[in-house]
């Protein structure tokens, strides 16, 4: 199924599977999972429990959806990431453009996954897997070099009593491989800790100690030091560092950035522009705007508050609009309390959404 229309029919739009009944349409979404959904109906007299069911379903299936309804009803759905809303008074002028936007959303996640895979090439994964399996490779190397049976080499390795030596033998390379394969909030700490410890282990090596029994550090220790220096060089490139730093910063936020679709007004130089807040935290926001903003200091009106902001970064989206990151400036105590309460509500909803998904 390509596209599903629930509610009133649309003129000159016969490429939808049209289901006039709301409940039958919801059942079809759950059973068939269309690629795109359009609701064209009045929600004024729909029970709030039914609206909550629609919201939960849309969050769960995560299918790009266009909701066409009266202006007062649209706010029920504007905070759902995959939903675009359209005032039914503008249906003739804006339907085609709005429908194109949700079709773009349908492909956006696949594009991001594709880009991610392009950045993580097969050698990248191969190195991570190699590092993860390094203790086993090291055992095979020792068996080959000494001529001892594998069980004898394993007995020697397991006879180590120093916990630091055990960690060094079994855990250092696997941790590095795991952190390399999957960026997480702890990856940077893992790299830093491995680098510090590998240098320490290299220069404090005791001659002729188990399990290597040789005068100089084992080649794996040298490789680990070299590997960590290579990682440091790798992370000097901003694009390589970005996913790891972003996750680490996210971990230390008092509130994680909460994704929203919150309407707001941007006020600057006696101008007032409608914007859409895409995510928000206690320290700032990211919003999208149809016009380019040259003023660094502006005011943002949302949630019945006027908050001074300072633009930090911006870039132009493929659609032609602009995305801006901004930090809050001089929040009053009342504003902090109000923002805190709203963020709690947003996080509760976000938690519910993820649980439903």
Protein backbone atom coordinates (compact mmCIF):
# COMPACT_ATOMS: atom_id res chain seq x y z
CA UNK A 1 0.00 0.00 0.00
CA UNK A 2 1.44 3.37 -0.93
CA UNK A 3 -0.88 6.05 0.52
CA UNK A 4 -3.95 5.99 2.76
CA UNK A 5 -6.60 8.72 2.99
CA UNK A 6 -8.91 8.71 6.01
CA UNK A 7 -11.98 10.96 6.16
CA UNK A 8 -13.30 13.21 3.42
CA UNK A 9 -12.31 12.61 -0.19
CA UNK A 10 -9.88 14.97 -1.91
CA UNK A 11 -10.67 16.44 -5.30
CA UNK A 12 -8.49 15.21 -8.17
CA UNK A 13 -6.58 12.92 -5.79
CA UNK A 14 -7.52 9.38 -6.78
CA UNK A 15 -4.17 7.69 -6.05
CA UNK A 16 -5.07 7.14 -2.38
CA UNK A 17 -6.77 4.18 -0.82
CA UNK A 18 -9.75 6.09 0.58
CA UNK A 19 -11.45 5.00 3.82
CA UNK A 20 -14.14 7.45 5.01
CA UNK A 21 -14.61 5.84 8.44
CA UNK A 22 -12.08 6.86 11.10
CA UNK A 23 -12.04 3.57 13.04
CA UNK A 24 -11.78 1.45 9.91
CA UNK A 25 -8.92 3.67 8.81
CA UNK A 26 -7.09 3.24 12.14
CA UNK A 27 -7.49 -0.53 11.87
CA UNK A 28 -6.05 -0.42 8.33
CA UNK A 29 -3.01 1.53 9.54
CA UNK A 30 -2.31 -1.12 12.18
CA UNK A 31 -2.71 -4.04 9.78
CA UNK A 32 -1.21 -2.75 6.51
CA UNK A 33 1.31 0.00 7.51
CA UNK A 34 0.96 2.41 4.54
CA UNK A 35 3.95 4.48 3.47
CA UNK A 36 2.02 7.78 3.82
CA UNK A 37 -1.15 8.70 5.73
CA UNK A 38 -3.52 11.64 5.19
CA UNK A 39 -6.34 12.52 7.59
CA UNK A 40 -8.92 14.89 6.10
CA UNK A 41 -11.57 15.36 8.76
CA UNK A 42 -12.93 17.56 11.53
CA UNK A 43 -11.66 16.64 15.00
CA UNK A 44 -13.80 19.18 16.90
CA UNK A 45 -16.29 16.60 18.10
CA UNK A 46 -13.94 13.64 18.38
CA UNK A 47 -13.55 12.35 21.93
CA UNK A 48 -10.19 13.10 23.57
CA UNK A 49 -9.65 9.41 24.24
CA UNK A 50 -9.94 8.74 20.50
CA UNK A 51 -7.50 11.57 19.76
CA UNK A 52 -5.06 10.08 22.28
CA UNK A 53 -5.43 6.72 20.51
CA UNK A 54 -4.64 8.37 17.15
CA UNK A 55 -1.61 10.13 18.62
CA UNK A 56 -0.29 6.93 20.19
CA UNK A 57 -0.78 5.00 16.95
CA UNK A 58 1.00 7.63 14.83
CA UNK A 59 3.94 7.70 17.23
CA UNK A 60 4.10 3.90 17.29
CA UNK A 61 4.01 3.28 13.53
CA UNK A 62 6.22 6.33 12.81
CA UNK A 63 4.71 6.86 9.34
CA UNK A 64 4.80 10.34 7.73
CA UNK A 65 1.30 11.80 8.14
CA UNK A 66 -0.54 14.87 6.90
CA UNK A 67 -3.49 15.99 9.01
CA UNK A 68 -5.96 18.35 7.36
CA UNK A 69 -8.47 19.82 9.77
CA UNK A 70 -9.82 23.02 11.30
CA UNK A 71 -7.25 25.36 12.80
CA UNK A 72 -8.35 24.71 16.39
CA UNK A 73 -7.88 20.94 16.08
CA UNK A 74 -4.43 20.94 14.53
CA UNK A 75 -2.65 21.65 17.82
CA UNK A 76 -3.48 18.11 18.98
CA UNK A 77 -0.91 16.74 16.55
CA UNK A 78 1.70 19.45 15.99
CA UNK A 79 4.21 18.03 18.51
CA UNK A 80 4.50 14.66 16.73
CA UNK A 81 7.68 14.51 14.68
CA UNK A 82 6.30 12.61 11.69
CA UNK A 83 3.18 14.76 11.36
CA UNK A 84 2.60 17.79 9.14
CA UNK A 85 -0.60 19.82 9.65
CA UNK A 86 -2.66 21.85 7.20
CA UNK A 87 -5.57 24.21 7.82
CA UNK A 88 -8.51 22.95 5.78
CA UNK A 89 -9.13 26.51 4.55
CA UNK A 90 -5.81 26.28 2.68
CA UNK A 91 -6.30 22.84 1.21
CA UNK A 92 -6.68 24.02 -2.39
CA UNK A 93 -3.54 26.16 -2.31
CA UNK A 94 -1.23 24.13 -0.09
CA UNK A 95 -2.14 20.43 -0.26
CA UNK A 96 0.32 19.48 -3.00
CA UNK A 97 3.24 21.24 -1.27
CA UNK A 98 2.36 19.71 2.13
CA UNK A 99 2.03 16.25 0.61
CA UNK A 100 5.45 16.59 -1.02
CA UNK A 101 6.93 17.43 2.40
CA UNK A 102 5.61 14.25 4.04
CA UNK A 103 6.81 12.17 1.08
CA UNK A 104 10.27 13.62 1.70
CA UNK A 105 9.99 12.61 5.36
CA UNK A 106 9.22 9.09 4.20
CA UNK A 107 12.68 8.84 2.64
CA UNK A 108 14.61 10.93 5.18
CA UNK A 109 15.36 8.17 7.66
CA UNK A 110 16.64 5.88 4.86
CA UNK A 111 18.89 8.68 3.60
CA UNK A 112 20.37 9.23 7.06
CA UNK A 113 21.03 5.51 7.46
CA UNK A 114 22.67 5.44 4.03
CA UNK A 115 24.91 8.40 4.90
CA UNK A 116 25.85 6.76 8.19
CA UNK A 117 26.88 3.58 6.40
CA UNK A 118 28.90 5.56 3.88
CA UNK A 119 30.89 7.16 6.69
CA UNK A 120 31.42 3.79 8.38
CA UNK A 121 33.06 1.77 5.62
CA UNK A 122 33.85 -1.94 5.77
CA UNK A 123 37.50 -1.40 6.87
CA UNK A 124 36.16 0.66 9.78
CA UNK A 125 33.99 -2.25 10.95
CA UNK A 126 36.71 -4.79 10.16
CA UNK A 127 39.16 -2.96 12.43
CA UNK A 128 36.60 -2.89 15.23
CA UNK A 129 35.93 -6.63 14.89
CA UNK A 130 39.68 -7.33 14.80
CA UNK A 131 40.21 -5.38 18.01
CA UNK A 132 37.28 -7.14 19.66
CA UNK A 133 38.77 -10.55 18.84
CA UNK A 134 42.35 -9.52 19.69
CA UNK A 135 42.71 -11.62 22.91
CA UNK A 136 41.95 -14.79 20.94
CA UNK A 137 44.37 -13.76 18.19
CA UNK A 138 47.00 -13.09 20.85
CA UNK A 139 46.56 -16.60 22.31
CA UNK A 140 46.97 -18.14 18.84
CA UNK A 141 50.08 -16.00 18.29
CA UNK A 142 51.62 -17.21 21.57
CA UNK A 143 50.84 -20.83 20.75
CA UNK A 144 52.45 -20.51 17.31
CA UNK A 145 55.52 -18.70 18.62
CA UNK A 146 56.22 -21.01 21.55
CA UNK A 147 55.06 -24.27 20.00
CA UNK A 148 52.99 -25.03 23.12
CA UNK A 149 49.52 -26.60 22.76
CA UNK A 150 46.60 -24.18 22.94
CA UNK A 151 45.41 -25.59 26.27
CA UNK A 152 48.86 -24.99 27.80
CA UNK A 153 48.94 -21.40 26.54
CA UNK A 154 45.42 -20.88 27.89
CA UNK A 155 46.46 -22.26 31.28
CA UNK A 156 49.40 -19.82 31.36
CA UNK A 157 47.15 -16.88 30.48
CA UNK A 158 44.55 -17.87 33.08
CA UNK A 159 47.24 -18.19 35.75
CA UNK A 160 47.73 -14.41 35.83
CA UNK A 161 46.76 -13.11 39.28
CA UNK A 162 47.30 -9.38 38.84
CA UNK A 163 43.83 -7.93 38.02
CA UNK A 164 45.39 -5.14 35.98
CA UNK A 165 47.25 -7.67 33.86
CA UNK A 166 44.01 -9.61 33.37
CA UNK A 167 42.18 -6.47 32.25
CA UNK A 168 45.09 -5.50 30.03
CA UNK A 169 45.13 -8.92 28.33
CA UNK A 170 41.39 -9.54 27.94
CA UNK A 171 39.63 -6.17 27.91
CA UNK A 172 41.69 -3.31 26.44
CA UNK A 173 41.44 -4.15 22.75
CA UNK A 174 37.80 -5.40 22.88
CA UNK A 175 36.74 -2.17 24.60
CA UNK A 176 38.52 -0.16 21.93
CA UNK A 177 36.83 -2.18 19.20
CA UNK A 178 33.40 -1.79 20.76
CA UNK A 179 33.83 1.95 21.18
CA UNK A 180 35.05 2.21 17.58
CA UNK A 181 32.13 0.30 16.09
CA UNK A 182 29.37 2.07 17.99
CA UNK A 183 29.56 5.74 19.02
CA UNK A 184 28.02 6.33 22.42
CA UNK A 185 28.15 8.79 25.28
CA UNK A 186 31.04 6.82 26.83
CA UNK A 187 33.16 6.41 23.67
CA UNK A 188 35.35 9.45 24.28
CA UNK A 189 35.98 8.39 27.89
CA UNK A 190 36.83 4.90 26.66
CA UNK A 191 39.35 6.23 24.16
CA UNK A 192 40.93 8.58 26.70
CA UNK A 193 41.13 5.88 29.38
CA UNK A 194 42.59 3.32 26.98
CA UNK A 195 45.18 5.78 25.74
CA UNK A 196 46.34 6.73 29.25
CA UNK A 197 46.45 3.14 30.44
CA UNK A 198 48.20 1.80 27.32
CA UNK A 199 51.01 4.35 27.76
CA UNK A 200 51.24 3.48 31.46
CA UNK A 201 51.34 -0.28 30.73
CA UNK A 202 53.94 0.17 28.00
CA UNK A 203 56.42 2.07 30.18
CA UNK A 204 55.88 -0.01 33.33
CA UNK A 205 56.35 -3.39 31.66
CA UNK A 206 58.29 -5.88 33.81
CA UNK A 207 60.76 -8.03 31.90
CA UNK A 208 60.10 -11.76 31.52
CA UNK A 209 56.73 -11.74 33.26
CA UNK A 210 53.75 -13.89 32.38
CA UNK A 211 52.23 -14.42 29.95
CA UNK A 212 54.75 -13.08 27.38
CA UNK A 213 58.06 -13.94 29.09
CA UNK A 214 60.19 -11.60 27.00
CA UNK A 215 62.46 -8.64 27.58
CA UNK A 216 60.45 -5.99 25.76
CA UNK A 217 56.69 -5.33 25.80
CA UNK A 218 54.62 -7.58 23.60
CA UNK A 219 53.90 -6.29 20.10
CA UNK A 220 50.22 -5.89 21.06
CA UNK A 221 51.17 -3.22 23.63
CA UNK A 222 53.07 -1.29 20.97
CA UNK A 223 50.14 -1.67 18.58
CA UNK A 224 47.74 -0.41 21.25
CA UNK A 225 49.80 2.76 21.81
CA UNK A 226 50.04 3.31 18.04
CA UNK A 227 46.31 2.63 17.65
CA UNK A 228 45.39 5.18 20.27
CA UNK A 229 47.57 7.84 18.68
CA UNK A 230 45.88 7.07 15.35
CA UNK A 231 42.49 7.48 17.06
CA UNK A 232 43.53 10.86 18.45
CA UNK A 233 44.56 11.98 14.96
CA UNK A 234 41.28 10.63 13.60
CA UNK A 235 39.29 12.68 16.11
CA UNK A 236 41.13 15.87 15.26
CA UNK A 237 38.84 15.97 12.19
CA UNK A 238 35.58 17.69 13.30
CA UNK A 239 33.27 15.51 11.19
CA UNK A 240 34.70 12.34 12.73
CA UNK A 241 34.47 13.77 16.25
CA UNK A 242 30.93 15.12 15.93
CA UNK A 243 28.76 12.00 16.63
CA UNK A 244 30.84 11.04 19.69
CA UNK A 245 31.00 14.58 21.14
CA UNK A 246 27.28 15.11 20.56
CA UNK A 247 26.40 11.96 22.51
CA UNK A 248 28.82 12.85 25.31
CA UNK A 249 27.37 16.37 25.60
CA UNK A 250 23.88 14.89 25.62
CA UNK A 251 24.77 12.72 28.61
CA UNK A 252 25.72 15.75 30.73
CA UNK A 253 22.66 17.86 29.93
CA UNK A 254 20.36 18.44 32.85
CA UNK A 255 17.64 17.85 30.29
CA UNK A 256 18.33 16.02 27.09
CA UNK A 257 17.24 17.91 24.01
CA UNK A 258 13.58 17.07 23.52
CA UNK A 259 12.31 16.89 19.96
CA UNK A 260 9.20 18.99 19.29
CA UNK A 261 7.22 20.66 16.55
CA UNK A 262 6.42 23.76 18.56
CA UNK A 263 5.24 26.94 16.83
CA UNK A 264 6.93 30.18 17.93
CA UNK A 265 7.58 33.77 16.85
CA UNK A 266 11.07 35.16 16.30
CA UNK A 267 11.37 38.90 16.91
CA UNK A 268 14.38 40.86 15.65
CA UNK A 269 14.98 44.41 14.39
CA UNK A 270 11.25 45.24 14.55
CA UNK A 271 10.47 42.13 12.46
CA UNK A 272 8.34 39.19 13.51
CA UNK A 273 8.73 35.81 11.80
CA UNK A 274 6.94 32.52 12.47
CA UNK A 275 9.34 29.67 13.25
CA UNK A 276 9.08 26.02 14.21
CA UNK A 277 11.05 24.79 17.24
CA UNK A 278 12.46 21.35 16.42
CA UNK A 279 14.17 20.61 19.74
CA UNK A 280 14.62 22.36 23.06
CA UNK A 281 16.55 22.07 26.34
CA UNK A 282 17.08 24.23 29.42
CA UNK A 283 19.96 26.00 27.69
CA UNK A 284 18.69 26.59 24.17
CA UNK A 285 16.68 25.63 21.12
CA UNK A 286 16.99 24.61 17.51
CA UNK A 287 14.37 26.04 15.20
CA UNK A 288 13.58 26.31 11.50
CA UNK A 289 12.68 29.54 9.77
CA UNK A 290 11.67 30.38 6.20
CA UNK A 291 13.76 33.57 6.22
CA UNK A 292 17.46 34.16 6.79
CA UNK A 293 18.17 35.95 10.07
CA UNK A 294 21.24 38.19 10.16
CA UNK A 295 20.78 39.51 13.70
CA UNK A 296 22.72 37.58 16.33
CA UNK A 297 20.57 38.72 19.27
CA UNK A 298 16.82 38.10 18.97
CA UNK A 299 13.74 37.35 21.04
CA UNK A 300 11.76 34.13 20.84
CA UNK A 301 8.09 34.04 21.85
CA UNK A 302 6.78 30.59 22.73
CA UNK A 303 4.86 28.91 25.55
CA UNK A 304 3.57 32.38 26.54
CA UNK A 305 7.13 33.58 27.22
CA UNK A 306 9.41 36.13 25.60
CA UNK A 307 12.99 34.87 25.91
CA UNK A 308 16.13 36.60 24.66
CA UNK A 309 18.29 34.29 22.56
CA UNK A 310 21.67 34.40 20.89
CA UNK A 311 22.10 32.63 17.55
CA UNK A 312 25.05 30.24 17.63
CA UNK A 313 24.99 28.46 14.29
CA UNK A 314 22.88 28.13 11.17
CA UNK A 315 22.67 26.26 7.89
CA UNK A 316 20.31 26.17 4.93
CA UNK A 317 18.08 23.14 4.52
CA UNK A 318 17.47 21.45 1.16
CA UNK A 319 13.92 22.87 1.22
CA UNK A 320 15.33 26.42 1.16
CA UNK A 321 14.44 27.28 4.76
CA UNK A 322 17.04 27.82 7.47
CA UNK A 323 17.88 25.91 10.64
CA UNK A 324 19.24 27.86 13.63
CA UNK A 325 20.77 26.82 16.93
CA UNK A 326 20.40 29.36 19.73
CA UNK A 327 21.17 29.67 23.42
CA UNK A 328 18.89 31.30 25.99
CA UNK A 329 20.10 34.56 27.51
CA UNK A 330 19.27 35.89 31.00
CA UNK A 331 16.35 33.64 31.91
CA UNK A 332 14.34 34.96 34.81
CA UNK A 333 13.43 32.70 37.69
CA UNK A 334 9.83 32.49 36.50
CA UNK A 335 10.96 31.63 32.97
CA UNK A 336 13.28 28.92 34.28
CA UNK A 337 10.47 27.38 36.32
CA UNK A 338 8.03 27.53 33.41
CA UNK A 339 10.59 26.07 30.99
CA UNK A 340 11.49 23.36 33.51
CA UNK A 341 7.84 22.34 33.89
CA UNK A 342 7.29 22.22 30.13
CA UNK A 343 10.43 20.16 29.61
CA UNK A 344 9.24 17.68 32.21
CA UNK A 345 5.98 17.36 30.26
CA UNK A 346 7.87 17.00 26.98
CA UNK A 347 10.11 14.31 28.46
CA UNK A 348 7.14 12.39 29.84
CA UNK A 349 5.58 12.46 26.38
CA UNK A 350 8.88 11.49 24.76
CA UNK A 351 9.23 8.55 27.16
CA UNK A 352 5.66 7.47 26.39
CA UNK A 353 6.32 7.77 22.66
CA UNK A 354 9.46 5.62 22.82
CA UNK A 355 7.72 3.05 25.01
CA UNK A 356 4.85 2.86 22.53
CA UNK A 357 7.31 2.46 19.66
